[in-house]
């Protein structure tokens, strides 16, 4: 059996909307291109809500299946990424309600930093990212989600407001409060935010394979 990577189409750089149109016209495997574009964002958003790596991964997979099943309902009123993120947020909250329990931080999570030629610097960045993840998890849920969208996933204020169905002013206030709380505990460690909740290629490929299998593609 060939690996999925051997048969899946390459990303030719066209817009999400064009890809959606092509998928609806029968080029179903192009959905894999959309998944590769948004795997990292959706995992980080789900992780901010669920606070468990494995559960977040499962949430993303279910969100993709729901998005694929409802792809014809996407009208382009919002960016595709925003539409997809909203589905993921709804799936994550639905999972929490279903389980009726609080998810704890997964010990030994995927918080390793990117490869660095200096082992000492790499170890420092890894420890810093792990420390930061723990403090992000301790934020109130509304602050945590805004912080992850803005500082970890690096969405702008407007798109974050659209995704969360709130105002830009609320986003700015929550981000300010989240930063204040983190800075009180970590001081300058907050600069490591883009390294938090590391998303590697193996996780991306696993999500891709599982979703395509679930969709029968």
N, C-alpha and C. Protein backbone atom coordinates (compact mmCIF):
# COMPACT_ATOMS: atom_id res chain seq x y z
N UNK A 1 0.85 -1.20 0.00
CA UNK A 1 0.00 0.00 0.00
C UNK A 1 0.88 1.25 0.00
N UNK A 2 0.61 2.17 -0.90
CA UNK A 2 1.41 3.39 -0.99
C UNK A 2 1.02 4.38 0.09
N UNK A 3 2.00 5.14 0.52
CA UNK A 3 1.73 6.19 1.51
C UNK A 3 0.88 7.27 0.89
N UNK A 4 0.08 7.94 1.74
CA UNK A 4 -0.81 8.99 1.23
C UNK A 4 -0.04 10.07 0.50
N UNK A 5 1.19 10.35 0.98
CA UNK A 5 1.97 11.43 0.40
C UNK A 5 2.35 11.15 -1.05
N UNK A 6 2.33 9.85 -1.44
CA UNK A 6 2.72 9.49 -2.81
C UNK A 6 1.62 9.77 -3.82
N UNK A 7 0.39 9.91 -3.36
CA UNK A 7 -0.72 10.03 -4.30
C UNK A 7 -1.49 11.34 -4.15
N UNK A 8 -1.24 12.09 -3.10
CA UNK A 8 -1.99 13.31 -2.88
C UNK A 8 -1.48 14.44 -3.76
N UNK A 9 -2.39 15.33 -4.16
CA UNK A 9 -2.00 16.46 -5.03
C UNK A 9 -1.14 17.47 -4.30
N UNK A 10 -0.31 18.17 -5.05
CA UNK A 10 0.52 19.23 -4.50
C UNK A 10 -0.28 20.52 -4.37
N UNK A 11 0.15 21.38 -3.50
CA UNK A 11 -0.46 22.69 -3.32
C UNK A 11 0.07 23.63 -4.40
N UNK A 12 -0.79 24.02 -5.33
CA UNK A 12 -0.34 24.89 -6.43
C UNK A 12 -0.54 26.38 -6.12
N UNK A 13 -0.92 26.68 -4.87
CA UNK A 13 -1.00 28.07 -4.45
C UNK A 13 -2.28 28.81 -4.77
N UNK A 14 -3.27 28.13 -5.33
CA UNK A 14 -4.54 28.81 -5.63
C UNK A 14 -5.27 29.09 -4.33
N UNK A 15 -6.27 29.95 -4.37
CA UNK A 15 -6.99 30.34 -3.17
C UNK A 15 -7.80 29.18 -2.60
N UNK A 16 -8.15 29.31 -1.32
CA UNK A 16 -8.99 28.31 -0.67
C UNK A 16 -10.31 28.16 -1.40
N UNK A 17 -10.86 29.28 -1.83
CA UNK A 17 -12.16 29.26 -2.50
C UNK A 17 -12.11 28.48 -3.81
N UNK A 18 -11.02 28.62 -4.53
CA UNK A 18 -10.86 27.87 -5.78
C UNK A 18 -10.77 26.38 -5.48
N UNK A 19 -10.02 26.04 -4.43
CA UNK A 19 -9.91 24.64 -4.04
C UNK A 19 -11.26 24.05 -3.65
N UNK A 20 -12.04 24.81 -2.88
CA UNK A 20 -13.36 24.35 -2.48
C UNK A 20 -14.22 24.07 -3.72
N UNK A 21 -14.18 24.97 -4.68
CA UNK A 21 -14.94 24.79 -5.91
C UNK A 21 -14.51 23.52 -6.65
N UNK A 22 -13.20 23.31 -6.72
CA UNK A 22 -12.69 22.12 -7.41
C UNK A 22 -13.10 20.83 -6.69
N UNK A 23 -13.07 20.88 -5.36
CA UNK A 23 -13.48 19.70 -4.58
C UNK A 23 -14.94 19.38 -4.84
N UNK A 24 -15.78 20.42 -4.81
CA UNK A 24 -17.21 20.22 -5.04
C UNK A 24 -17.51 19.74 -6.45
N UNK A 25 -16.58 20.01 -7.37
CA UNK A 25 -16.74 19.55 -8.76
C UNK A 25 -16.19 18.14 -8.99
N UNK A 26 -15.67 17.53 -7.93
CA UNK A 26 -15.24 16.14 -8.04
C UNK A 26 -13.79 15.84 -7.72
N UNK A 27 -12.95 16.87 -7.58
CA UNK A 27 -11.53 16.63 -7.27
C UNK A 27 -11.38 16.52 -5.74
N UNK A 28 -11.92 15.46 -5.19
CA UNK A 28 -12.06 15.33 -3.74
C UNK A 28 -10.75 15.31 -2.98
N UNK A 29 -9.71 14.75 -3.57
CA UNK A 29 -8.43 14.65 -2.87
C UNK A 29 -7.78 16.01 -2.62
N UNK A 30 -8.27 17.04 -3.28
CA UNK A 30 -7.73 18.38 -3.03
C UNK A 30 -8.04 18.85 -1.61
N UNK A 31 -8.95 18.14 -0.95
CA UNK A 31 -9.24 18.48 0.46
C UNK A 31 -7.99 18.31 1.30
N UNK A 32 -7.10 17.41 0.89
CA UNK A 32 -5.84 17.21 1.61
C UNK A 32 -4.98 18.47 1.59
N UNK A 33 -5.06 19.23 0.50
CA UNK A 33 -4.30 20.48 0.41
C UNK A 33 -4.81 21.48 1.44
N UNK A 34 -6.13 21.57 1.58
CA UNK A 34 -6.71 22.46 2.59
C UNK A 34 -6.30 22.04 3.99
N UNK A 35 -6.28 20.74 4.22
CA UNK A 35 -5.90 20.26 5.55
C UNK A 35 -4.46 20.64 5.87
N UNK A 36 -3.57 20.49 4.93
CA UNK A 36 -2.17 20.85 5.18
C UNK A 36 -2.04 22.35 5.46
N UNK A 37 -2.87 23.15 4.83
CA UNK A 37 -2.81 24.59 5.07
C UNK A 37 -3.26 24.97 6.47
N UNK A 38 -4.21 24.22 7.03
CA UNK A 38 -4.82 24.63 8.29
C UNK A 38 -4.60 23.69 9.47
N UNK A 39 -3.87 22.61 9.28
CA UNK A 39 -3.64 21.67 10.38
C UNK A 39 -3.07 22.34 11.62
N UNK A 40 -2.04 23.14 11.45
CA UNK A 40 -1.37 23.75 12.60
C UNK A 40 -2.31 24.70 13.33
N UNK A 41 -2.99 25.56 12.59
CA UNK A 41 -3.91 26.51 13.24
C UNK A 41 -4.99 25.78 14.01
N UNK A 42 -5.62 24.79 13.38
CA UNK A 42 -6.75 24.13 14.04
C UNK A 42 -6.30 23.33 15.26
N UNK A 43 -5.13 22.71 15.16
CA UNK A 43 -4.62 21.97 16.32
C UNK A 43 -4.39 22.91 17.49
N UNK A 44 -3.78 24.05 17.22
CA UNK A 44 -3.48 24.99 18.30
C UNK A 44 -4.76 25.56 18.92
N UNK A 45 -5.75 25.83 18.09
CA UNK A 45 -7.03 26.33 18.61
C UNK A 45 -7.71 25.27 19.47
N UNK A 46 -7.77 24.04 18.96
CA UNK A 46 -8.38 22.96 19.72
C UNK A 46 -7.62 22.71 21.01
N UNK A 47 -6.30 22.78 20.94
CA UNK A 47 -5.45 22.56 22.12
C UNK A 47 -5.68 23.65 23.18
N UNK A 48 -5.95 24.86 22.72
CA UNK A 48 -6.20 25.96 23.66
C UNK A 48 -7.48 25.73 24.46
N UNK A 49 -8.43 25.03 23.86
CA UNK A 49 -9.71 24.77 24.53
C UNK A 49 -9.65 23.47 25.33
N UNK A 50 -9.16 22.41 24.70
CA UNK A 50 -9.17 21.08 25.30
C UNK A 50 -8.04 20.88 26.31
N UNK A 51 -6.88 21.49 26.02
CA UNK A 51 -5.70 21.38 26.87
C UNK A 51 -5.18 19.93 26.98
N UNK A 52 -5.30 19.20 25.91
CA UNK A 52 -4.77 17.85 25.85
C UNK A 52 -4.39 17.58 24.39
N UNK A 53 -3.15 17.20 24.15
CA UNK A 53 -2.67 17.04 22.78
C UNK A 53 -3.45 16.01 21.97
N UNK A 54 -3.66 14.83 22.55
CA UNK A 54 -4.33 13.76 21.81
C UNK A 54 -5.80 14.08 21.55
N UNK A 55 -6.47 14.65 22.56
CA UNK A 55 -7.87 15.03 22.39
C UNK A 55 -7.98 16.13 21.34
N UNK A 56 -7.05 17.08 21.35
CA UNK A 56 -7.08 18.17 20.37
C UNK A 56 -6.92 17.63 18.96
N UNK A 57 -6.03 16.67 18.80
CA UNK A 57 -5.83 16.06 17.49
C UNK A 57 -7.11 15.39 17.00
N UNK A 58 -7.80 14.70 17.90
CA UNK A 58 -9.04 14.02 17.54
C UNK A 58 -10.13 15.04 17.19
N UNK A 59 -10.16 16.15 17.92
CA UNK A 59 -11.13 17.22 17.64
C UNK A 59 -10.92 17.75 16.23
N UNK A 60 -9.67 17.98 15.86
CA UNK A 60 -9.36 18.50 14.52
C UNK A 60 -9.83 17.52 13.45
N UNK A 61 -9.59 16.25 13.66
CA UNK A 61 -10.02 15.25 12.69
C UNK A 61 -11.53 15.26 12.50
N UNK A 62 -12.27 15.32 13.60
CA UNK A 62 -13.73 15.36 13.51
C UNK A 62 -14.21 16.66 12.87
N UNK A 63 -13.51 17.75 13.15
CA UNK A 63 -13.87 19.03 12.54
C UNK A 63 -13.70 18.97 11.02
N UNK A 64 -12.63 18.35 10.57
CA UNK A 64 -12.41 18.22 9.13
C UNK A 64 -13.51 17.39 8.46
N UNK A 65 -13.88 16.31 9.10
CA UNK A 65 -14.95 15.46 8.54
C UNK A 65 -16.25 16.27 8.45
N UNK A 66 -16.56 17.02 9.51
CA UNK A 66 -17.77 17.86 9.50
C UNK A 66 -17.68 18.92 8.42
N UNK A 67 -16.50 19.52 8.26
CA UNK A 67 -16.32 20.56 7.24
C UNK A 67 -16.50 19.97 5.84
N UNK A 68 -15.93 18.81 5.62
CA UNK A 68 -16.05 18.16 4.30
C UNK A 68 -17.51 17.83 4.00
N UNK A 69 -18.21 17.30 4.99
CA UNK A 69 -19.61 16.92 4.80
C UNK A 69 -20.49 18.14 4.52
N UNK A 70 -20.06 19.31 4.98
CA UNK A 70 -20.85 20.53 4.83
C UNK A 70 -20.19 21.54 3.89
N UNK A 71 -19.28 21.05 3.06
CA UNK A 71 -18.51 21.95 2.21
C UNK A 71 -19.40 22.75 1.26
N UNK A 72 -20.47 22.14 0.81
CA UNK A 72 -21.37 22.83 -0.11
C UNK A 72 -22.07 24.02 0.54
N UNK A 73 -22.09 24.05 1.88
CA UNK A 73 -22.76 25.15 2.57
C UNK A 73 -21.85 26.35 2.75
N UNK A 74 -20.55 26.19 2.43
CA UNK A 74 -19.63 27.32 2.54
C UNK A 74 -19.89 28.28 1.39
N UNK A 75 -20.25 29.51 1.71
CA UNK A 75 -20.64 30.48 0.69
C UNK A 75 -19.59 31.56 0.44
N UNK A 76 -18.53 31.55 1.18
CA UNK A 76 -17.51 32.56 0.98
C UNK A 76 -17.79 33.88 1.66
N UNK A 77 -18.80 33.92 2.54
CA UNK A 77 -19.09 35.15 3.26
C UNK A 77 -17.97 35.53 4.20
N UNK A 78 -17.30 34.53 4.75
CA UNK A 78 -16.11 34.73 5.58
C UNK A 78 -14.97 33.96 4.93
N UNK A 79 -13.75 34.24 5.37
CA UNK A 79 -12.63 33.48 4.86
C UNK A 79 -12.83 32.00 5.19
N UNK A 80 -12.33 31.13 4.29
CA UNK A 80 -12.49 29.70 4.53
C UNK A 80 -11.83 29.30 5.84
N UNK A 81 -10.66 29.87 6.12
CA UNK A 81 -9.96 29.56 7.37
C UNK A 81 -10.77 29.93 8.59
N UNK A 82 -11.50 31.03 8.50
CA UNK A 82 -12.35 31.46 9.61
C UNK A 82 -13.50 30.48 9.79
N UNK A 83 -14.12 30.09 8.69
CA UNK A 83 -15.22 29.11 8.71
C UNK A 83 -14.76 27.80 9.33
N UNK A 84 -13.58 27.35 8.93
CA UNK A 84 -13.02 26.10 9.42
C UNK A 84 -12.66 26.19 10.90
N UNK A 85 -12.15 27.34 11.30
CA UNK A 85 -11.79 27.52 12.71
C UNK A 85 -13.02 27.51 13.59
N UNK A 86 -14.09 28.11 13.12
CA UNK A 86 -15.33 28.11 13.90
C UNK A 86 -15.85 26.69 14.10
N UNK A 87 -15.77 25.87 13.06
CA UNK A 87 -16.20 24.48 13.16
C UNK A 87 -15.37 23.76 14.21
N UNK A 88 -14.07 24.02 14.21
CA UNK A 88 -13.17 23.38 15.17
C UNK A 88 -13.49 23.81 16.60
N UNK A 89 -13.73 25.10 16.79
CA UNK A 89 -14.09 25.61 18.12
C UNK A 89 -15.39 24.96 18.60
N UNK A 90 -16.38 24.87 17.74
CA UNK A 90 -17.65 24.23 18.11
C UNK A 90 -17.45 22.77 18.46
N UNK A 91 -16.61 22.09 17.69
CA UNK A 91 -16.32 20.68 17.95
C UNK A 91 -15.61 20.51 19.30
N UNK A 92 -14.68 21.40 19.59
CA UNK A 92 -13.94 21.32 20.85
C UNK A 92 -14.87 21.54 22.05
N UNK A 93 -15.72 22.56 21.97
CA UNK A 93 -16.65 22.81 23.07
C UNK A 93 -17.66 21.67 23.20
N UNK A 94 -18.09 21.13 22.07
CA UNK A 94 -19.00 19.99 22.11
C UNK A 94 -18.36 18.78 22.77
N UNK A 95 -17.07 18.59 22.51
CA UNK A 95 -16.35 17.48 23.13
C UNK A 95 -16.28 17.67 24.65
N UNK A 96 -16.04 18.89 25.08
CA UNK A 96 -15.97 19.16 26.51
C UNK A 96 -17.32 18.90 27.19
N UNK A 97 -18.39 19.33 26.54
CA UNK A 97 -19.71 19.10 27.13
C UNK A 97 -20.03 17.61 27.19
N UNK A 98 -19.63 16.90 26.15
CA UNK A 98 -19.92 15.47 26.09
C UNK A 98 -19.18 14.71 27.18
N UNK A 99 -17.95 15.04 27.38
CA UNK A 99 -17.15 14.33 28.37
C UNK A 99 -17.47 14.74 29.80
N UNK A 100 -17.99 15.97 29.95
CA UNK A 100 -18.39 16.48 31.26
C UNK A 100 -17.25 16.41 32.28
N UNK A 101 -16.09 16.78 31.81
CA UNK A 101 -14.96 16.81 32.74
C UNK A 101 -13.95 17.83 32.25
N UNK A 102 -13.05 18.23 33.11
CA UNK A 102 -11.99 19.15 32.76
C UNK A 102 -10.81 18.35 32.27
N UNK A 103 -10.23 18.79 31.12
CA UNK A 103 -9.06 18.11 30.59
C UNK A 103 -7.81 18.72 31.21
N UNK A 104 -6.92 17.86 31.66
CA UNK A 104 -5.68 18.34 32.28
C UNK A 104 -4.59 18.45 31.23
N UNK A 105 -3.51 19.17 31.59
CA UNK A 105 -2.38 19.31 30.68
C UNK A 105 -1.71 17.95 30.52
N UNK A 106 -1.47 17.56 29.31
CA UNK A 106 -0.83 16.28 29.04
C UNK A 106 0.66 16.37 29.38
N UNK A 107 1.10 15.51 30.27
CA UNK A 107 2.51 15.53 30.67
C UNK A 107 3.37 15.02 29.53
N UNK A 108 4.49 15.68 29.35
CA UNK A 108 5.39 15.26 28.29
C UNK A 108 4.85 15.54 26.91
N UNK A 109 4.10 16.65 26.75
CA UNK A 109 3.49 16.97 25.46
C UNK A 109 4.51 17.36 24.42
N UNK A 110 4.01 17.56 23.21
CA UNK A 110 4.88 17.92 22.10
C UNK A 110 5.26 19.38 22.19
N UNK A 111 6.28 19.69 22.93
CA UNK A 111 6.67 21.09 23.10
C UNK A 111 8.11 21.31 22.70
N UNK A 112 8.69 20.38 21.95
CA UNK A 112 10.07 20.54 21.53
C UNK A 112 10.19 21.66 20.53
N UNK A 113 11.30 22.33 20.53
CA UNK A 113 11.50 23.44 19.62
C UNK A 113 12.00 22.93 18.29
N UNK A 114 12.08 23.85 17.34
CA UNK A 114 12.59 23.49 16.03
C UNK A 114 14.07 23.18 16.13
N UNK A 115 14.56 22.46 15.13
CA UNK A 115 15.96 22.04 15.13
C UNK A 115 16.88 23.24 15.23
N UNK A 116 17.92 23.10 16.03
CA UNK A 116 18.88 24.18 16.21
C UNK A 116 20.26 23.57 16.28
N UNK A 117 21.22 24.20 15.63
CA UNK A 117 22.58 23.67 15.58
C UNK A 117 23.26 23.76 16.94
N UNK A 118 22.74 24.57 17.84
CA UNK A 118 23.30 24.74 19.17
C UNK A 118 22.44 23.95 20.16
N UNK A 119 22.90 22.77 20.61
CA UNK A 119 22.10 21.94 21.52
C UNK A 119 21.68 22.66 22.78
N UNK A 120 22.57 23.51 23.31
CA UNK A 120 22.26 24.23 24.54
C UNK A 120 21.14 25.23 24.31
N UNK A 121 21.19 25.95 23.18
CA UNK A 121 20.14 26.91 22.86
C UNK A 121 18.83 26.19 22.57
N UNK A 122 18.93 25.04 21.91
CA UNK A 122 17.73 24.26 21.59
C UNK A 122 17.06 23.79 22.87
N UNK A 123 17.85 23.30 23.82
CA UNK A 123 17.29 22.84 25.09
C UNK A 123 16.62 23.98 25.84
N UNK A 124 17.23 25.16 25.80
CA UNK A 124 16.67 26.32 26.48
C UNK A 124 15.32 26.70 25.89
N UNK A 125 15.25 26.75 24.55
CA UNK A 125 14.01 27.13 23.88
C UNK A 125 12.92 26.09 24.16
N UNK A 126 13.30 24.83 24.19
CA UNK A 126 12.34 23.77 24.48
C UNK A 126 11.78 23.91 25.89
N UNK A 127 12.66 24.16 26.86
CA UNK A 127 12.22 24.33 28.24
C UNK A 127 11.34 25.56 28.39
N UNK A 128 11.71 26.63 27.68
CA UNK A 128 10.95 27.87 27.77
C UNK A 128 9.55 27.68 27.18
N UNK A 129 9.48 27.01 26.04
CA UNK A 129 8.18 26.76 25.40
C UNK A 129 7.30 25.90 26.29
N UNK A 130 7.89 24.87 26.91
CA UNK A 130 7.13 24.00 27.80
C UNK A 130 6.60 24.77 29.00
N UNK A 131 7.46 25.63 29.56
CA UNK A 131 7.04 26.46 30.69
C UNK A 131 5.91 27.39 30.29
N UNK A 132 6.02 28.00 29.13
CA UNK A 132 5.01 28.92 28.65
C UNK A 132 3.69 28.20 28.42
N UNK A 133 3.74 27.01 27.83
CA UNK A 133 2.51 26.24 27.58
C UNK A 133 1.75 26.00 28.89
N UNK A 134 2.49 25.65 29.93
CA UNK A 134 1.85 25.40 31.21
C UNK A 134 1.13 26.62 31.74
N UNK A 135 1.74 27.79 31.59
CA UNK A 135 1.11 29.02 32.08
C UNK A 135 -0.04 29.46 31.18
N UNK A 136 0.07 29.21 29.88
CA UNK A 136 -1.05 29.50 28.97
C UNK A 136 -2.26 28.67 29.37
N UNK A 137 -2.02 27.39 29.69
CA UNK A 137 -3.12 26.51 30.11
C UNK A 137 -3.81 27.00 31.37
N UNK A 138 -3.10 27.76 32.19
CA UNK A 138 -3.67 28.26 33.45
C UNK A 138 -4.52 29.52 33.26
N UNK A 139 -4.46 30.13 32.08
CA UNK A 139 -5.27 31.31 31.83
C UNK A 139 -6.75 30.94 31.79
N UNK A 140 -7.61 31.89 32.10
CA UNK A 140 -9.05 31.68 31.92
C UNK A 140 -9.30 31.36 30.45
N UNK A 141 -10.31 30.56 30.20
CA UNK A 141 -10.55 30.05 28.84
C UNK A 141 -10.68 31.15 27.79
N UNK A 142 -11.41 32.23 28.11
CA UNK A 142 -11.60 33.29 27.12
C UNK A 142 -10.29 34.01 26.82
N UNK A 143 -9.42 34.15 27.82
CA UNK A 143 -8.12 34.78 27.61
C UNK A 143 -7.19 33.83 26.85
N UNK A 144 -7.24 32.57 27.22
CA UNK A 144 -6.35 31.58 26.60
C UNK A 144 -6.60 31.47 25.09
N UNK A 145 -7.87 31.43 24.71
CA UNK A 145 -8.20 31.27 23.30
C UNK A 145 -7.77 32.48 22.48
N UNK A 146 -7.99 33.67 23.01
CA UNK A 146 -7.54 34.88 22.31
C UNK A 146 -6.02 34.91 22.20
N UNK A 147 -5.34 34.56 23.28
CA UNK A 147 -3.88 34.58 23.25
C UNK A 147 -3.32 33.61 22.21
N UNK A 148 -3.88 32.41 22.15
CA UNK A 148 -3.39 31.42 21.19
C UNK A 148 -3.65 31.87 19.76
N UNK A 149 -4.83 32.41 19.51
CA UNK A 149 -5.14 32.87 18.15
C UNK A 149 -4.25 34.04 17.73
N UNK A 150 -4.01 34.98 18.64
CA UNK A 150 -3.25 36.18 18.30
C UNK A 150 -1.74 35.98 18.37
N UNK A 151 -1.26 35.39 19.45
CA UNK A 151 0.18 35.35 19.69
C UNK A 151 0.84 34.04 19.25
N UNK A 152 0.13 32.95 19.32
CA UNK A 152 0.71 31.67 18.91
C UNK A 152 0.44 31.42 17.43
N UNK A 153 -0.84 31.54 17.04
CA UNK A 153 -1.19 31.32 15.64
C UNK A 153 -1.00 32.58 14.80
N UNK A 154 -0.89 33.72 15.45
CA UNK A 154 -0.57 35.00 14.83
C UNK A 154 -1.65 35.50 13.85
N UNK A 155 -2.92 35.29 14.21
CA UNK A 155 -4.01 35.91 13.47
C UNK A 155 -4.06 37.38 13.86
N UNK A 156 -4.61 38.22 12.97
CA UNK A 156 -4.74 39.62 13.33
C UNK A 156 -5.99 39.83 14.19
N UNK A 157 -6.13 41.03 14.72
CA UNK A 157 -7.22 41.31 15.65
C UNK A 157 -8.59 41.13 14.98
N UNK A 158 -8.71 41.60 13.76
CA UNK A 158 -10.00 41.52 13.06
C UNK A 158 -10.43 40.08 12.84
N UNK A 159 -9.51 39.25 12.34
CA UNK A 159 -9.88 37.86 12.07
C UNK A 159 -10.17 37.11 13.36
N UNK A 160 -9.43 37.40 14.41
CA UNK A 160 -9.70 36.77 15.70
C UNK A 160 -11.10 37.12 16.18
N UNK A 161 -11.50 38.37 16.02
CA UNK A 161 -12.83 38.81 16.43
C UNK A 161 -13.91 38.08 15.63
N UNK A 162 -13.68 37.91 14.34
CA UNK A 162 -14.64 37.21 13.49
C UNK A 162 -14.77 35.75 13.91
N UNK A 163 -13.63 35.10 14.12
CA UNK A 163 -13.62 33.69 14.52
C UNK A 163 -14.38 33.48 15.82
N UNK A 164 -14.19 34.38 16.78
CA UNK A 164 -14.80 34.24 18.09
C UNK A 164 -16.16 34.92 18.20
N UNK A 165 -16.60 35.54 17.10
CA UNK A 165 -17.90 36.22 17.08
C UNK A 165 -17.99 37.26 18.18
N UNK A 166 -16.98 38.11 18.23
CA UNK A 166 -16.96 39.18 19.22
C UNK A 166 -16.41 40.44 18.56
N UNK A 167 -16.12 41.46 19.33
CA UNK A 167 -15.62 42.71 18.76
C UNK A 167 -14.09 42.77 18.85
N UNK A 168 -13.52 43.62 18.03
CA UNK A 168 -12.06 43.80 18.06
C UNK A 168 -11.62 44.37 19.40
N UNK A 169 -12.45 45.23 19.98
CA UNK A 169 -12.11 45.82 21.28
C UNK A 169 -12.03 44.74 22.36
N UNK A 170 -12.96 43.80 22.33
CA UNK A 170 -12.93 42.70 23.30
C UNK A 170 -11.67 41.86 23.11
N UNK A 171 -11.30 41.62 21.86
CA UNK A 171 -10.07 40.86 21.57
C UNK A 171 -8.86 41.59 22.16
N UNK A 172 -8.79 42.90 21.94
CA UNK A 172 -7.65 43.68 22.44
C UNK A 172 -7.58 43.65 23.97
N UNK A 173 -8.74 43.78 24.61
CA UNK A 173 -8.79 43.78 26.08
C UNK A 173 -8.34 42.42 26.63
N UNK A 174 -8.87 41.34 26.04
CA UNK A 174 -8.52 40.00 26.52
C UNK A 174 -7.05 39.67 26.27
N UNK A 175 -6.54 40.11 25.13
CA UNK A 175 -5.13 39.87 24.83
C UNK A 175 -4.25 40.61 25.82
N UNK A 176 -4.63 41.86 26.13
CA UNK A 176 -3.87 42.65 27.09
C UNK A 176 -3.85 41.98 28.46
N UNK A 177 -5.01 41.48 28.89
CA UNK A 177 -5.08 40.81 30.19
C UNK A 177 -4.27 39.52 30.20
N UNK A 178 -4.35 38.78 29.10
CA UNK A 178 -3.58 37.53 29.01
C UNK A 178 -2.09 37.81 29.08
N UNK A 179 -1.64 38.83 28.34
CA UNK A 179 -0.22 39.18 28.37
C UNK A 179 0.22 39.61 29.76
N UNK A 180 -0.62 40.40 30.41
CA UNK A 180 -0.29 40.87 31.76
C UNK A 180 -0.09 39.70 32.72
N UNK A 181 -1.03 38.77 32.68
CA UNK A 181 -0.95 37.62 33.58
C UNK A 181 0.27 36.76 33.29
N UNK A 182 0.57 36.56 32.00
CA UNK A 182 1.73 35.75 31.64
C UNK A 182 3.03 36.46 32.01
N UNK A 183 3.07 37.76 31.78
CA UNK A 183 4.28 38.51 32.08
C UNK A 183 4.59 38.54 33.57
N UNK A 184 3.53 38.52 34.38
CA UNK A 184 3.73 38.49 35.82
C UNK A 184 4.47 37.22 36.24
N UNK A 185 4.22 36.13 35.51
CA UNK A 185 4.80 34.84 35.87
C UNK A 185 6.08 34.52 35.11
N UNK A 186 6.17 35.05 33.91
CA UNK A 186 7.27 34.63 33.05
C UNK A 186 8.21 35.75 32.63
N UNK A 187 7.80 36.97 32.86
CA UNK A 187 8.59 38.13 32.45
C UNK A 187 8.84 38.05 30.94
N UNK A 188 10.10 38.00 30.53
CA UNK A 188 10.41 38.03 29.10
C UNK A 188 10.14 36.71 28.39
N UNK A 189 9.75 35.65 29.09
CA UNK A 189 9.53 34.35 28.45
C UNK A 189 8.40 34.37 27.44
N UNK A 190 7.53 35.38 27.52
CA UNK A 190 6.40 35.45 26.60
C UNK A 190 6.85 35.58 25.14
N UNK A 191 8.08 35.99 24.89
CA UNK A 191 8.56 36.12 23.51
C UNK A 191 8.67 34.77 22.82
N UNK A 192 8.59 33.69 23.57
CA UNK A 192 8.68 32.35 22.97
C UNK A 192 7.34 31.85 22.47
N UNK A 193 6.30 32.67 22.51
CA UNK A 193 4.94 32.22 22.17
C UNK A 193 4.83 31.47 20.86
N UNK A 194 5.45 31.92 19.75
CA UNK A 194 5.30 31.18 18.50
C UNK A 194 5.82 29.76 18.56
N UNK A 195 6.63 29.42 19.57
CA UNK A 195 7.15 28.07 19.71
C UNK A 195 6.22 27.18 20.53
N UNK A 196 5.23 27.77 21.17
CA UNK A 196 4.36 26.99 22.04
C UNK A 196 3.45 26.08 21.23
N UNK A 197 3.06 24.96 21.85
CA UNK A 197 2.18 23.97 21.22
C UNK A 197 2.73 23.57 19.85
N UNK A 198 4.00 23.12 19.88
CA UNK A 198 4.71 22.76 18.65
C UNK A 198 3.92 21.75 17.83
N UNK A 199 3.87 21.97 16.54
CA UNK A 199 3.11 21.12 15.63
C UNK A 199 4.07 20.56 14.59
N UNK A 200 4.37 19.26 14.67
CA UNK A 200 5.38 18.70 13.77
C UNK A 200 4.75 18.00 12.58
N UNK A 201 5.61 17.59 11.65
CA UNK A 201 5.15 16.94 10.43
C UNK A 201 4.46 15.62 10.67
N UNK A 202 4.91 14.88 11.67
CA UNK A 202 4.31 13.58 11.96
C UNK A 202 2.85 13.72 12.36
N UNK A 203 2.55 14.70 13.20
CA UNK A 203 1.17 14.92 13.62
C UNK A 203 0.31 15.34 12.43
N UNK A 204 0.87 16.21 11.59
CA UNK A 204 0.15 16.67 10.40
C UNK A 204 -0.19 15.50 9.49
N UNK A 205 0.79 14.63 9.24
CA UNK A 205 0.56 13.48 8.36
C UNK A 205 -0.46 12.52 8.96
N UNK A 206 -0.41 12.34 10.27
CA UNK A 206 -1.34 11.44 10.94
C UNK A 206 -2.78 11.95 10.81
N UNK A 207 -2.97 13.23 11.04
CA UNK A 207 -4.31 13.82 10.89
C UNK A 207 -4.79 13.64 9.46
N UNK A 208 -3.89 13.90 8.52
CA UNK A 208 -4.24 13.79 7.10
C UNK A 208 -4.70 12.37 6.77
N UNK A 209 -3.92 11.37 7.18
CA UNK A 209 -4.26 9.98 6.88
C UNK A 209 -5.59 9.58 7.52
N UNK A 210 -5.76 9.96 8.78
CA UNK A 210 -6.98 9.56 9.48
C UNK A 210 -8.24 10.17 8.89
N UNK A 211 -8.16 11.45 8.51
CA UNK A 211 -9.33 12.11 7.93
C UNK A 211 -9.65 11.54 6.56
N UNK A 212 -8.65 11.35 5.73
CA UNK A 212 -8.90 10.79 4.39
C UNK A 212 -9.49 9.39 4.50
N UNK A 213 -9.02 8.62 5.48
CA UNK A 213 -9.57 7.28 5.69
C UNK A 213 -11.03 7.34 6.13
N UNK A 214 -11.32 8.28 7.04
CA UNK A 214 -12.69 8.44 7.54
C UNK A 214 -13.64 8.86 6.42
N UNK A 215 -13.10 9.65 5.47
CA UNK A 215 -13.93 10.13 4.35
C UNK A 215 -13.97 9.14 3.19
N UNK A 216 -13.17 8.08 3.29
CA UNK A 216 -13.13 7.09 2.23
C UNK A 216 -12.45 7.57 0.97
N UNK A 217 -11.50 8.52 1.10
CA UNK A 217 -10.82 9.08 -0.05
C UNK A 217 -9.46 8.41 -0.27
